[in-house]
């Protein structure tokens, strides 16, 4: 799609090469986009001690959904600019670890495709099979890379991008007492949604009370927000979800809490406001007018900043004992009552 350079990669590498004293970057792997090779970066910021909580921010899993990467880059630039003078932020980052993987699928972004260069949808690529019926194709298929939502063939290892994401999450997030992951996507519905597992099953997750408490915390702090919190299974089920795969691994560590979330930005709203975007594949998933793009980049900074603050203070709001039982009942009533 791009003839010379990938703008998002240029912006990320500008951050990586900024030599900021509190920033560390590593190249997790390289991917071949047929006409060039791209690195896949992970960037960390904040406290390096293993006994502090962490938040991981991920974007660009689907190459068409550039807005998720752009939101994360805007957040990273804001944090680095504020660190020069913001003593409150400096103190905050002394007790929390932030991980960024803004472009998980650079080859897909380069070619303007949802899948990676091998035709695999990375968010259908994990070795997890749905326990219930999934939508045809949309739920993940193993027939051919020529069809959308290809999982990869059975018995094959995960794609290098998927493996890199799982490796850095295991190292930086699952090793901690408390961690949150936020994966930024676009393309579903007229509103912005915060999804949590499961995608492969309609069953509630073990940490349903913790997710409900996090929602309550955000509702109280920002009562005028427009996000809809819900399990992804309320909308559709899929095979191969990376966050289900990682959450199932985290469940084996009973002394730790890992909350993987997905920000699903409702791109249908942008198309409704500008129907000409239907003429462009990119327009189906991203706001094209400059003023709307800027609005979206501003809109989600509050949510991203909130997650970093909530993680750092998790001991103050994480439900325990009887309160946790009450939150479990409220969450089940809110999200699962009457489900088939």
C-alpha atoms as a PDB file:
ATOM      1  CA  UNK A   1       0.000   0.000   0.000  1.00  0.00           C
ATOM      2  CA  UNK A   2       2.802   2.408   0.878  1.00  0.00           C
ATOM      3  CA  UNK A   3       5.430   3.146  -1.751  1.00  0.00           C
ATOM      4  CA  UNK A   4       8.204   4.529   0.440  1.00  0.00           C
ATOM      5  CA  UNK A   5       7.724   4.431   4.203  1.00  0.00           C
ATOM      6  CA  UNK A   6       5.178   3.341   6.765  1.00  0.00           C
ATOM      7  CA  UNK A   7       4.269   6.524   8.719  1.00  0.00           C
ATOM      8  CA  UNK A   8       3.393   4.686  11.917  1.00  0.00           C
ATOM      9  CA  UNK A   9       6.710   2.829  11.876  1.00  0.00           C
ATOM     10  CA  UNK A  10       8.590   6.090  11.349  1.00  0.00           C
ATOM     11  CA  UNK A  11       6.782   7.580  14.343  1.00  0.00           C
ATOM     12  CA  UNK A  12       7.515   4.532  16.500  1.00  0.00           C
ATOM     13  CA  UNK A  13      11.181   4.440  15.536  1.00  0.00           C
ATOM     14  CA  UNK A  14      11.447   8.138  16.343  1.00  0.00           C
ATOM     15  CA  UNK A  15      10.330   7.253  19.881  1.00  0.00           C
ATOM     16  CA  UNK A  16      12.601   4.194  20.033  1.00  0.00           C
ATOM     17  CA  UNK A  17      15.610   6.297  18.964  1.00  0.00           C
ATOM     18  CA  UNK A  18      14.807   9.259  21.209  1.00  0.00           C
ATOM     19  CA  UNK A  19      17.283   8.117  23.898  1.00  0.00           C
ATOM     20  CA  UNK A  20      14.807   9.033  26.615  1.00  0.00           C
ATOM     21  CA  UNK A  21      16.411   8.002  29.933  1.00  0.00           C
ATOM     22  CA  UNK A  22      13.325   6.178  31.215  1.00  0.00           C
ATOM     23  CA  UNK A  23      12.511   4.341  28.001  1.00  0.00           C
ATOM     24  CA  UNK A  24      13.752   0.896  26.986  1.00  0.00           C
ATOM     25  CA  UNK A  25      13.109  -0.675  23.592  1.00  0.00           C
ATOM     26  CA  UNK A  26      13.792  -4.101  22.150  1.00  0.00           C
ATOM     27  CA  UNK A  27      13.214  -5.709  18.783  1.00  0.00           C
ATOM     28  CA  UNK A  28      11.186  -8.842  19.401  1.00  0.00           C
ATOM     29  CA  UNK A  29      11.408 -10.203  15.865  1.00  0.00           C
ATOM     30  CA  UNK A  30      11.514  -9.209  12.206  1.00  0.00           C
ATOM     31  CA  UNK A  31       8.841  -9.909   9.601  1.00  0.00           C
ATOM     32  CA  UNK A  32       9.195 -10.110   5.846  1.00  0.00           C
ATOM     33  CA  UNK A  33       6.654  -8.042   3.931  1.00  0.00           C
ATOM     34  CA  UNK A  34       7.820  -9.485   0.565  1.00  0.00           C
ATOM     35  CA  UNK A  35       9.308  -6.196  -0.642  1.00  0.00           C
ATOM     36  CA  UNK A  36      10.933  -5.214   2.646  1.00  0.00           C
ATOM     37  CA  UNK A  37      11.577  -6.328   6.223  1.00  0.00           C
ATOM     38  CA  UNK A  38      10.066  -4.725   9.321  1.00  0.00           C
ATOM     39  CA  UNK A  39      11.017  -4.985  13.017  1.00  0.00           C
ATOM     40  CA  UNK A  40       8.426  -5.661  15.703  1.00  0.00           C
ATOM     41  CA  UNK A  41       9.228  -3.491  18.727  1.00  0.00           C
ATOM     42  CA  UNK A  42       8.338  -3.591  22.399  1.00  0.00           C
ATOM     43  CA  UNK A  43       8.862  -0.413  24.410  1.00  0.00           C
ATOM     44  CA  UNK A  44       8.795  -0.224  28.206  1.00  0.00           C
ATOM     45  CA  UNK A  45       8.529   2.719  30.532  1.00  0.00           C
ATOM     46  CA  UNK A  46       8.429   3.085  34.302  1.00  0.00           C
ATOM     47  CA  UNK A  47       9.583   0.985  37.229  1.00  0.00           C
ATOM     48  CA  UNK A  48      11.711  -2.059  36.432  1.00  0.00           C
ATOM     49  CA  UNK A  49      11.046  -3.909  39.701  1.00  0.00           C
ATOM     50  CA  UNK A  50       9.135  -7.165  39.317  1.00  0.00           C
ATOM     51  CA  UNK A  51       6.998  -6.522  42.390  1.00  0.00           C
ATOM     52  CA  UNK A  52       5.100  -3.597  40.813  1.00  0.00           C
ATOM     53  CA  UNK A  53       1.945  -3.910  38.672  1.00  0.00           C
ATOM     54  CA  UNK A  54       2.058  -3.429  34.910  1.00  0.00           C
ATOM     55  CA  UNK A  55      -0.110  -2.419  31.971  1.00  0.00           C
ATOM     56  CA  UNK A  56       0.527  -3.555  28.407  1.00  0.00           C
ATOM     57  CA  UNK A  57      -0.805  -1.584  25.434  1.00  0.00           C
ATOM     58  CA  UNK A  58      -1.033  -3.317  22.041  1.00  0.00           C
ATOM     59  CA  UNK A  59      -2.072  -2.172  18.570  1.00  0.00           C
ATOM     60  CA  UNK A  60      -1.844  -2.991  14.900  1.00  0.00           C
ATOM     61  CA  UNK A  61      -2.679  -6.676  15.288  1.00  0.00           C
ATOM     62  CA  UNK A  62      -4.847  -6.191  12.218  1.00  0.00           C
ATOM     63  CA  UNK A  63      -2.968  -4.178   9.625  1.00  0.00           C
ATOM     64  CA  UNK A  64      -6.059  -2.371   8.340  1.00  0.00           C
ATOM     65  CA  UNK A  65      -6.861  -0.984  11.797  1.00  0.00           C
ATOM     66  CA  UNK A  66      -4.219   1.743  11.892  1.00  0.00           C
ATOM     67  CA  UNK A  67      -6.157   3.931  14.330  1.00  0.00           C
ATOM     68  CA  UNK A  68      -5.300   1.635  17.264  1.00  0.00           C
ATOM     69  CA  UNK A  69      -1.591   2.122  16.593  1.00  0.00           C
ATOM     70  CA  UNK A  70      -2.074   5.863  16.154  1.00  0.00           C
ATOM     71  CA  UNK A  71      -3.886   6.155  19.495  1.00  0.00           C
ATOM     72  CA  UNK A  72      -1.035   4.365  21.268  1.00  0.00           C
ATOM     73  CA  UNK A  73       1.639   6.470  19.568  1.00  0.00           C
ATOM     74  CA  UNK A  74      -0.195   9.638  20.614  1.00  0.00           C
ATOM     75  CA  UNK A  75      -0.330   8.347  24.199  1.00  0.00           C
ATOM     76  CA  UNK A  76       3.373   7.453  24.198  1.00  0.00           C
ATOM     77  CA  UNK A  77       4.343  10.894  22.861  1.00  0.00           C
ATOM     78  CA  UNK A  78       2.180  12.549  25.497  1.00  0.00           C
ATOM     79  CA  UNK A  79       3.781  10.550  28.318  1.00  0.00           C
ATOM     80  CA  UNK A  80       7.322  11.304  27.166  1.00  0.00           C
ATOM     81  CA  UNK A  81       6.571  15.021  26.789  1.00  0.00           C
ATOM     82  CA  UNK A  82       4.971  15.204  30.241  1.00  0.00           C
ATOM     83  CA  UNK A  83       7.808  13.332  31.929  1.00  0.00           C
ATOM     84  CA  UNK A  84      10.044  16.357  31.423  1.00  0.00           C
ATOM     85  CA  UNK A  85       8.001  18.443  33.864  1.00  0.00           C
ATOM     86  CA  UNK A  86       5.091  16.446  35.370  1.00  0.00           C
ATOM     87  CA  UNK A  87       6.165  15.431  38.880  1.00  0.00           C
ATOM     88  CA  UNK A  88       2.901  13.575  39.460  1.00  0.00           C
ATOM     89  CA  UNK A  89       3.556  11.384  36.419  1.00  0.00           C
ATOM     90  CA  UNK A  90       7.162  10.891  37.486  1.00  0.00           C
ATOM     91  CA  UNK A  91       5.969   9.633  40.875  1.00  0.00           C
ATOM     92  CA  UNK A  92       3.335   7.423  39.255  1.00  0.00           C
ATOM     93  CA  UNK A  93       5.855   5.686  37.007  1.00  0.00           C
ATOM     94  CA  UNK A  94       7.996   4.888  40.024  1.00  0.00           C
ATOM     95  CA  UNK A  95       5.372   2.313  41.032  1.00  0.00           C
ATOM     96  CA  UNK A  96       4.040   0.912  37.761  1.00  0.00           C
ATOM     97  CA  UNK A  97       5.461  -0.638  34.597  1.00  0.00           C
ATOM     98  CA  UNK A  98       4.110   0.291  31.147  1.00  0.00           C
ATOM     99  CA  UNK A  99       4.651  -1.916  28.101  1.00  0.00           C
ATOM    100  CA  UNK A 100       3.882  -0.824  24.536  1.00  0.00           C
ATOM    101  CA  UNK A 101       3.702  -2.964  21.406  1.00  0.00           C
ATOM    102  CA  UNK A 102       2.041  -0.503  19.022  1.00  0.00           C
ATOM    103  CA  UNK A 103       2.614  -2.319  15.709  1.00  0.00           C
ATOM    104  CA  UNK A 104       2.195  -6.051  16.150  1.00  0.00           C
ATOM    105  CA  UNK A 105       1.589  -6.668  12.437  1.00  0.00           C
ATOM    106  CA  UNK A 106       3.746  -4.230  10.411  1.00  0.00           C
ATOM    107  CA  UNK A 107       3.557  -6.314   7.226  1.00  0.00           C
ATOM    108  CA  UNK A 108      -0.241  -6.203   7.291  1.00  0.00           C
ATOM    109  CA  UNK A 109      -0.146  -2.459   7.880  1.00  0.00           C
ATOM    110  CA  UNK A 110       2.324  -2.019   5.015  1.00  0.00           C
ATOM    111  CA  UNK A 111       0.082  -3.936   2.603  1.00  0.00           C
ATOM    112  CA  UNK A 112      -3.211  -2.603   3.993  1.00  0.00           C
ATOM    113  CA  UNK A 113      -4.524  -6.029   4.985  1.00  0.00           C
ATOM    114  CA  UNK A 114      -6.103  -7.461   8.101  1.00  0.00           C
ATOM    115  CA  UNK A 115      -3.837 -10.512   8.034  1.00  0.00           C
ATOM    116  CA  UNK A 116      -0.062 -10.757   8.141  1.00  0.00           C
ATOM    117  CA  UNK A 117       2.163 -11.352   5.105  1.00  0.00           C
ATOM    118  CA  UNK A 118       1.398 -15.105   5.202  1.00  0.00           C
ATOM    119  CA  UNK A 119      -2.355 -14.514   5.095  1.00  0.00           C
ATOM    120  CA  UNK A 120      -2.929 -15.390   8.764  1.00  0.00           C
ATOM    121  CA  UNK A 121      -5.290 -13.422  11.001  1.00  0.00           C
ATOM    122  CA  UNK A 122      -3.191 -13.079  14.154  1.00  0.00           C
ATOM    123  CA  UNK A 123      -6.260 -12.771  16.363  1.00  0.00           C
ATOM    124  CA  UNK A 124      -7.396 -16.233  15.204  1.00  0.00           C
ATOM    125  CA  UNK A 125      -3.923 -17.776  15.440  1.00  0.00           C
ATOM    126  CA  UNK A 126      -3.649 -19.086  19.011  1.00  0.00           C
ATOM    127  CA  UNK A 127      -4.093 -22.816  19.772  1.00  0.00           C
ATOM    128  CA  UNK A 128      -7.528 -22.340  21.360  1.00  0.00           C
ATOM    129  CA  UNK A 129     -10.685 -23.881  19.910  1.00  0.00           C
ATOM    130  CA  UNK A 130     -14.122 -22.504  20.684  1.00  0.00           C
ATOM    131  CA  UNK A 131     -16.279 -24.718  22.871  1.00  0.00           C
ATOM    132  CA  UNK A 132     -19.459 -23.555  21.141  1.00  0.00           C
ATOM    133  CA  UNK A 133     -20.580 -22.772  17.597  1.00  0.00           C
ATOM    134  CA  UNK A 134     -18.789 -19.858  15.920  1.00  0.00           C
ATOM    135  CA  UNK A 135     -19.899 -17.764  12.922  1.00  0.00           C
ATOM    136  CA  UNK A 136     -18.871 -19.208   9.566  1.00  0.00           C
ATOM    137  CA  UNK A 137     -15.449 -17.839   8.512  1.00  0.00           C
ATOM    138  CA  UNK A 138     -15.629 -14.917  10.987  1.00  0.00           C
ATOM    139  CA  UNK A 139     -15.008 -17.304  13.865  1.00  0.00           C
ATOM    140  CA  UNK A 140     -11.759 -18.481  12.287  1.00  0.00           C
ATOM    141  CA  UNK A 141     -11.159 -20.994   9.497  1.00  0.00           C
ATOM    142  CA  UNK A 142      -8.360 -23.362   8.417  1.00  0.00           C
ATOM    143  CA  UNK A 143      -9.399 -23.823   4.776  1.00  0.00           C
ATOM    144  CA  UNK A 144      -7.183 -21.313   3.013  1.00  0.00           C
ATOM    145  CA  UNK A 145      -5.175 -18.118   3.431  1.00  0.00           C
ATOM    146  CA  UNK A 146      -7.104 -16.829   0.418  1.00  0.00           C
ATOM    147  CA  UNK A 147     -10.194 -16.542   2.623  1.00  0.00           C
ATOM    148  CA  UNK A 148     -10.518 -14.024   5.471  1.00  0.00           C
ATOM    149  CA  UNK A 149     -10.014 -14.928   9.137  1.00  0.00           C
ATOM    150  CA  UNK A 150      -7.526 -17.702   8.331  1.00  0.00           C
ATOM    151  CA  UNK A 151      -6.175 -19.302  11.529  1.00  0.00           C
ATOM    152  CA  UNK A 152      -3.228 -21.071   9.957  1.00  0.00           C
ATOM    153  CA  UNK A 153      -3.175 -24.787   9.255  1.00  0.00           C
ATOM    154  CA  UNK A 154      -3.663 -27.257  12.098  1.00  0.00           C
ATOM    155  CA  UNK A 155      -0.483 -28.402  13.775  1.00  0.00           C
ATOM    156  CA  UNK A 156       1.577 -25.442  12.610  1.00  0.00           C
ATOM    157  CA  UNK A 157       3.316 -23.182  15.160  1.00  0.00           C
ATOM    158  CA  UNK A 158       1.937 -19.727  15.794  1.00  0.00           C
ATOM    159  CA  UNK A 159       3.069 -16.918  13.534  1.00  0.00           C
ATOM    160  CA  UNK A 160       6.224 -15.063  14.608  1.00  0.00           C
ATOM    161  CA  UNK A 161       4.195 -11.938  15.452  1.00  0.00           C
ATOM    162  CA  UNK A 162       1.819 -13.938  17.658  1.00  0.00           C
ATOM    163  CA  UNK A 163       4.706 -15.698  19.366  1.00  0.00           C
ATOM    164  CA  UNK A 164       6.442 -12.363  19.990  1.00  0.00           C
ATOM    165  CA  UNK A 165       3.313 -10.907  21.586  1.00  0.00           C
ATOM    166  CA  UNK A 166       2.785 -13.973  23.782  1.00  0.00           C
ATOM    167  CA  UNK A 167       6.429 -14.008  24.823  1.00  0.00           C
ATOM    168  CA  UNK A 168       6.547 -10.371  25.919  1.00  0.00           C
ATOM    169  CA  UNK A 169       3.193 -10.669  27.732  1.00  0.00           C
ATOM    170  CA  UNK A 170       4.452 -13.729  29.609  1.00  0.00           C
ATOM    171  CA  UNK A 171       7.683 -11.991  30.565  1.00  0.00           C
ATOM    172  CA  UNK A 172       6.345  -8.545  31.432  1.00  0.00           C
ATOM    173  CA  UNK A 173       2.743  -9.088  32.545  1.00  0.00           C
ATOM    174  CA  UNK A 174       1.998 -12.645  33.626  1.00  0.00           C
ATOM    175  CA  UNK A 175       5.010 -12.644  35.948  1.00  0.00           C
ATOM    176  CA  UNK A 176       3.456  -9.931  38.146  1.00  0.00           C
ATOM    177  CA  UNK A 177       0.916  -9.974  40.951  1.00  0.00           C
ATOM    178  CA  UNK A 178      -1.391  -7.690  38.979  1.00  0.00           C
ATOM    179  CA  UNK A 179      -1.435  -6.685  35.324  1.00  0.00           C
ATOM    180  CA  UNK A 180      -3.767  -5.361  32.643  1.00  0.00           C
ATOM    181  CA  UNK A 181      -3.498  -5.635  28.865  1.00  0.00           C
ATOM    182  CA  UNK A 182      -5.324  -3.390  26.406  1.00  0.00           C
ATOM    183  CA  UNK A 183      -5.437  -4.353  22.733  1.00  0.00           C
ATOM    184  CA  UNK A 184      -6.654  -1.532  20.461  1.00  0.00           C
ATOM    185  CA  UNK A 185      -8.842  -2.440  17.473  1.00  0.00           C
ATOM    186  CA  UNK A 186     -11.518  -0.830  15.301  1.00  0.00           C
ATOM    187  CA  UNK A 187     -14.303  -1.874  13.015  1.00  0.00           C
ATOM    188  CA  UNK A 188     -17.271  -3.138  15.064  1.00  0.00           C
ATOM    189  CA  UNK A 189     -20.472  -1.205  15.665  1.00  0.00           C
ATOM    190  CA  UNK A 190     -21.497   2.388  16.246  1.00  0.00           C
ATOM    191  CA  UNK A 191     -20.006   2.752  19.735  1.00  0.00           C
ATOM    192  CA  UNK A 192     -16.688   2.148  21.464  1.00  0.00           C
ATOM    193  CA  UNK A 193     -16.593  -1.087  23.416  1.00  0.00           C
ATOM    194  CA  UNK A 194     -14.319  -2.508  26.097  1.00  0.00           C
ATOM    195  CA  UNK A 195     -14.322  -6.270  25.637  1.00  0.00           C
ATOM    196  CA  UNK A 196     -12.949  -8.868  28.017  1.00  0.00           C
ATOM    197  CA  UNK A 197     -12.610 -12.670  27.641  1.00  0.00           C
ATOM    198  CA  UNK A 198     -13.814 -15.101  26.725  1.00  0.00           C
ATOM    199  CA  UNK A 199     -13.977 -15.112  22.948  1.00  0.00           C
ATOM    200  CA  UNK A 200     -13.955 -18.915  22.668  1.00  0.00           C
ATOM    201  CA  UNK A 201     -16.677 -19.544  25.243  1.00  0.00           C
ATOM    202  CA  UNK A 202     -19.755 -17.846  26.659  1.00  0.00           C
ATOM    203  CA  UNK A 203     -18.735 -18.911  30.185  1.00  0.00           C
ATOM    204  CA  UNK A 204     -17.754 -16.151  32.646  1.00  0.00           C
ATOM    205  CA  UNK A 205     -14.069 -15.744  33.424  1.00  0.00           C
ATOM    206  CA  UNK A 206     -12.657 -16.339  36.894  1.00  0.00           C
ATOM    207  CA  UNK A 207     -11.823 -12.664  37.363  1.00  0.00           C
ATOM    208  CA  UNK A 208     -15.281 -11.362  36.545  1.00  0.00           C
ATOM    209  CA  UNK A 209     -15.493  -9.478  39.899  1.00  0.00           C
ATOM    210  CA  UNK A 210     -12.215  -7.703  39.177  1.00  0.00           C
ATOM    211  CA  UNK A 211     -13.370  -6.604  35.715  1.00  0.00           C
ATOM    212  CA  UNK A 212     -16.667  -5.376  37.167  1.00  0.00           C
ATOM    213  CA  UNK A 213     -14.814  -3.459  39.886  1.00  0.00           C
ATOM    214  CA  UNK A 214     -12.610  -1.841  37.234  1.00  0.00           C
ATOM    215  CA  UNK A 215     -15.702  -0.810  35.292  1.00  0.00           C
ATOM    216  CA  UNK A 216     -17.228   0.642  38.476  1.00  0.00           C
ATOM    217  CA  UNK A 217     -14.050   2.570  39.164  1.00  0.00           C
ATOM    218  CA  UNK A 218     -14.101   4.111  35.686  1.00  0.00           C
ATOM    219  CA  UNK A 219     -17.822   4.880  35.870  1.00  0.00           C
ATOM    220  CA  UNK A 220     -17.318   6.738  39.137  1.00  0.00           C
ATOM    221  CA  UNK A 221     -14.290   8.687  37.932  1.00  0.00           C
ATOM    222  CA  UNK A 222     -15.658   9.466  34.445  1.00  0.00           C
ATOM    223  CA  UNK A 223     -19.464   9.127  34.585  1.00  0.00           C
ATOM    224  CA  UNK A 224     -19.974  10.789  31.196  1.00  0.00           C
ATOM    225  CA  UNK A 225     -17.929   8.316  29.152  1.00  0.00           C
ATOM    226  CA  UNK A 226     -19.431   6.469  26.179  1.00  0.00           C
ATOM    227  CA  UNK A 227     -17.751   3.057  26.430  1.00  0.00           C
ATOM    228  CA  UNK A 228     -19.780  -0.145  26.609  1.00  0.00           C
ATOM    229  CA  UNK A 229     -18.140  -2.798  28.809  1.00  0.00           C
ATOM    230  CA  UNK A 230     -19.038  -6.384  27.939  1.00  0.00           C
ATOM    231  CA  UNK A 231     -17.644  -9.877  27.380  1.00  0.00           C
ATOM    232  CA  UNK A 232     -16.723 -10.409  23.746  1.00  0.00           C
ATOM    233  CA  UNK A 233     -18.883 -13.543  23.740  1.00  0.00           C
ATOM    234  CA  UNK A 234     -21.952 -11.300  23.912  1.00  0.00           C
ATOM    235  CA  UNK A 235     -21.262 -10.321  20.292  1.00  0.00           C
ATOM    236  CA  UNK A 236     -19.693 -13.419  18.729  1.00  0.00           C
ATOM    237  CA  UNK A 237     -17.388 -16.361  19.487  1.00  0.00           C
ATOM    238  CA  UNK A 238     -14.126 -17.173  17.737  1.00  0.00           C
ATOM    239  CA  UNK A 239     -11.384 -19.752  17.614  1.00  0.00           C
ATOM    240  CA  UNK A 240      -7.776 -18.836  18.246  1.00  0.00           C
ATOM    241  CA  UNK A 241      -8.082 -15.653  20.305  1.00  0.00           C
ATOM    242  CA  UNK A 242      -4.632 -14.643  21.591  1.00  0.00           C
ATOM    243  CA  UNK A 243      -5.997 -13.058  24.773  1.00  0.00           C
ATOM    244  CA  UNK A 244      -8.053 -16.132  25.648  1.00  0.00           C
ATOM    245  CA  UNK A 245      -4.891 -18.182  25.178  1.00  0.00           C
ATOM    246  CA  UNK A 246      -2.867 -15.908  27.463  1.00  0.00           C
ATOM    247  CA  UNK A 247      -5.630 -15.625  30.038  1.00  0.00           C
ATOM    248  CA  UNK A 248      -5.945 -19.402  30.245  1.00  0.00           C
ATOM    249  CA  UNK A 249      -2.212 -19.543  30.962  1.00  0.00           C
ATOM    250  CA  UNK A 250      -2.575 -16.865  33.627  1.00  0.00           C
ATOM    251  CA  UNK A 251      -5.352 -18.853  35.320  1.00  0.00           C
ATOM    252  CA  UNK A 252      -2.756 -21.475  36.200  1.00  0.00           C
ATOM    253  CA  UNK A 253      -1.157 -18.898  38.514  1.00  0.00           C
ATOM    254  CA  UNK A 254      -3.778 -18.512  41.222  1.00  0.00           C
ATOM    255  CA  UNK A 255      -1.864 -15.848  43.144  1.00  0.00           C
ATOM    256  CA  UNK A 256      -1.886 -13.444  40.166  1.00  0.00           C
ATOM    257  CA  UNK A 257      -4.532 -11.316  38.464  1.00  0.00           C
ATOM    258  CA  UNK A 258      -4.318 -10.661  34.717  1.00  0.00           C
ATOM    259  CA  UNK A 259      -7.087  -8.666  33.041  1.00  0.00           C
ATOM    260  CA  UNK A 260      -6.864  -8.660  29.221  1.00  0.00           C
ATOM    261  CA  UNK A 261      -9.120  -6.030  27.645  1.00  0.00           C
ATOM    262  CA  UNK A 262      -9.834  -4.994  24.066  1.00  0.00           C
ATOM    263  CA  UNK A 263     -10.733  -1.472  22.999  1.00  0.00           C
ATOM    264  CA  UNK A 264     -12.973  -1.996  19.965  1.00  0.00           C
ATOM    265  CA  UNK A 265     -13.486   1.438  18.418  1.00  0.00           C
ATOM    266  CA  UNK A 266     -16.808   1.653  16.584  1.00  0.00           C
ATOM    267  CA  UNK A 267     -15.789   2.558  13.053  1.00  0.00           C
ATOM    268  CA  UNK A 268     -19.348   2.336  11.719  1.00  0.00           C
ATOM    269  CA  UNK A 269     -19.905   5.750  13.301  1.00  0.00           C
ATOM    270  CA  UNK A 270     -17.145   7.284  11.180  1.00  0.00           C
ATOM    271  CA  UNK A 271     -18.619   5.709   8.044  1.00  0.00           C
ATOM    272  CA  UNK A 272     -22.087   6.970   8.993  1.00  0.00           C
ATOM    273  CA  UNK A 273     -20.748  10.521   9.214  1.00  0.00           C
ATOM    274  CA  UNK A 274     -18.774  10.182   5.983  1.00  0.00           C
ATOM    275  CA  UNK A 275     -20.312   7.496   3.714  1.00  0.00           C
ATOM    276  CA  UNK A 276     -17.596   8.057   1.099  1.00  0.00           C
ATOM    277  CA  UNK A 277     -15.308   6.065   3.397  1.00  0.00           C
ATOM    278  CA  UNK A 278     -17.124   2.965   2.153  1.00  0.00           C
ATOM    279  CA  UNK A 279     -15.140   3.352  -1.054  1.00  0.00           C
ATOM    280  CA  UNK A 280     -11.883   2.657   0.800  1.00  0.00           C
ATOM    281  CA  UNK A 281     -10.828  -0.443   2.741  1.00  0.00           C
ATOM    282  CA  UNK A 282      -8.896   1.820   5.101  1.00  0.00           C
ATOM    283  CA  UNK A 283     -11.975   4.014   5.477  1.00  0.00           C
ATOM    284  CA  UNK A 284     -13.997   1.104   6.833  1.00  0.00           C
ATOM    285  CA  UNK A 285     -11.740   0.929   9.885  1.00  0.00           C
ATOM    286  CA  UNK A 286     -10.220   4.390  10.388  1.00  0.00           C
ATOM    287  CA  UNK A 287     -11.385   8.009  10.608  1.00  0.00           C
ATOM    288  CA  UNK A 288     -10.143   9.728   7.453  1.00  0.00           C
ATOM    289  CA  UNK A 289     -10.894  13.474   7.913  1.00  0.00           C
ATOM    290  CA  UNK A 290      -8.080  15.115   9.887  1.00  0.00           C
ATOM    291  CA  UNK A 291     -10.399  16.777  12.407  1.00  0.00           C
ATOM    292  CA  UNK A 292     -12.076  13.435  13.181  1.00  0.00           C
ATOM    293  CA  UNK A 293      -8.743  11.653  13.516  1.00  0.00           C
ATOM    294  CA  UNK A 294      -7.564  14.255  16.031  1.00  0.00           C
ATOM    295  CA  UNK A 295     -10.776  13.900  17.980  1.00  0.00           C
ATOM    296  CA  UNK A 296     -10.314  10.136  18.221  1.00  0.00           C
ATOM    297  CA  UNK A 297      -6.672  10.514  19.302  1.00  0.00           C
ATOM    298  CA  UNK A 298      -7.799  12.841  22.124  1.00  0.00           C
ATOM    299  CA  UNK A 299     -10.847  10.820  23.050  1.00  0.00           C
ATOM    300  CA  UNK A 300      -9.085   7.702  24.288  1.00  0.00           C
ATOM    301  CA  UNK A 301      -6.197   9.282  26.201  1.00  0.00           C
ATOM    302  CA  UNK A 302      -8.378   9.442  29.334  1.00  0.00           C
ATOM    303  CA  UNK A 303      -9.039   5.690  29.186  1.00  0.00           C
ATOM    304  CA  UNK A 304      -5.388   4.797  28.614  1.00  0.00           C
ATOM    305  CA  UNK A 305      -4.225   7.075  31.411  1.00  0.00           C
ATOM    306  CA  UNK A 306      -6.906   5.666  33.716  1.00  0.00           C
ATOM    307  CA  UNK A 307      -5.629   2.115  33.201  1.00  0.00           C
ATOM    308  CA  UNK A 308      -2.110   3.122  34.210  1.00  0.00           C
ATOM    309  CA  UNK A 309      -3.443   4.854  37.326  1.00  0.00           C
ATOM    310  CA  UNK A 310      -5.785   1.999  38.240  1.00  0.00           C
ATOM    311  CA  UNK A 311      -3.026  -0.587  37.893  1.00  0.00           C
ATOM    312  CA  UNK A 312      -0.692   1.407  40.119  1.00  0.00           C
ATOM    313  CA  UNK A 313      -3.382   1.626  42.801  1.00  0.00           C
ATOM    314  CA  UNK A 314      -4.896  -1.845  42.378  1.00  0.00           C
ATOM    315  CA  UNK A 315      -4.624  -2.676  46.095  1.00  0.00           C
ATOM    316  CA  UNK A 316      -7.053   0.171  46.856  1.00  0.00           C
ATOM    317  CA  UNK A 317      -9.897  -1.102  44.656  1.00  0.00           C
ATOM    318  CA  UNK A 318      -9.399  -4.812  43.962  1.00  0.00           C
ATOM    319  CA  UNK A 319     -12.360  -6.577  45.646  1.00  0.00           C
ATOM    320  CA  UNK A 320     -11.617  -9.036  48.431  1.00  0.00           C
ATOM    321  CA  UNK A 321     -13.653 -11.410  50.578  1.00  0.00           C
ATOM    322  CA  UNK A 322     -17.368 -10.649  50.846  1.00  0.00           C
ATOM    323  CA  UNK A 323     -17.069  -7.615  48.571  1.00  0.00           C
ATOM    324  CA  UNK A 324     -15.687  -9.843  45.847  1.00  0.00           C
ATOM    325  CA  UNK A 325     -18.646 -12.190  46.210  1.00  0.00           C
ATOM    326  CA  UNK A 326     -21.007  -9.215  45.904  1.00  0.00           C
ATOM    327  CA  UNK A 327     -19.190  -7.994  42.794  1.00  0.00           C
ATOM    328  CA  UNK A 328     -19.403 -11.486  41.304  1.00  0.00           C
ATOM    329  CA  UNK A 329     -23.177 -11.524  41.777  1.00  0.00           C
ATOM    330  CA  UNK A 330     -23.575  -8.012  40.346  1.00  0.00           C
ATOM    331  CA  UNK A 331     -21.374  -8.821  37.348  1.00  0.00           C
ATOM    332  CA  UNK A 332     -23.259 -12.036  36.571  1.00  0.00           C
ATOM    333  CA  UNK A 333     -26.586 -10.225  36.834  1.00  0.00           C
ATOM    334  CA  UNK A 334     -25.328  -7.445  34.572  1.00  0.00           C
ATOM    335  CA  UNK A 335     -23.641  -9.487  31.836  1.00  0.00           C
ATOM    336  CA  UNK A 336     -24.861 -13.082  31.944  1.00  0.00           C
ATOM    337  CA  UNK A 337     -28.381 -13.273  33.367  1.00  0.00           C
ATOM    338  CA  UNK A 338     -30.703 -14.795  30.814  1.00  0.00           C
ATOM    339  CA  UNK A 339     -27.887 -15.918  28.535  1.00  0.00           C
ATOM    340  CA  UNK A 340     -28.600 -19.088  26.636  1.00  0.00           C
END
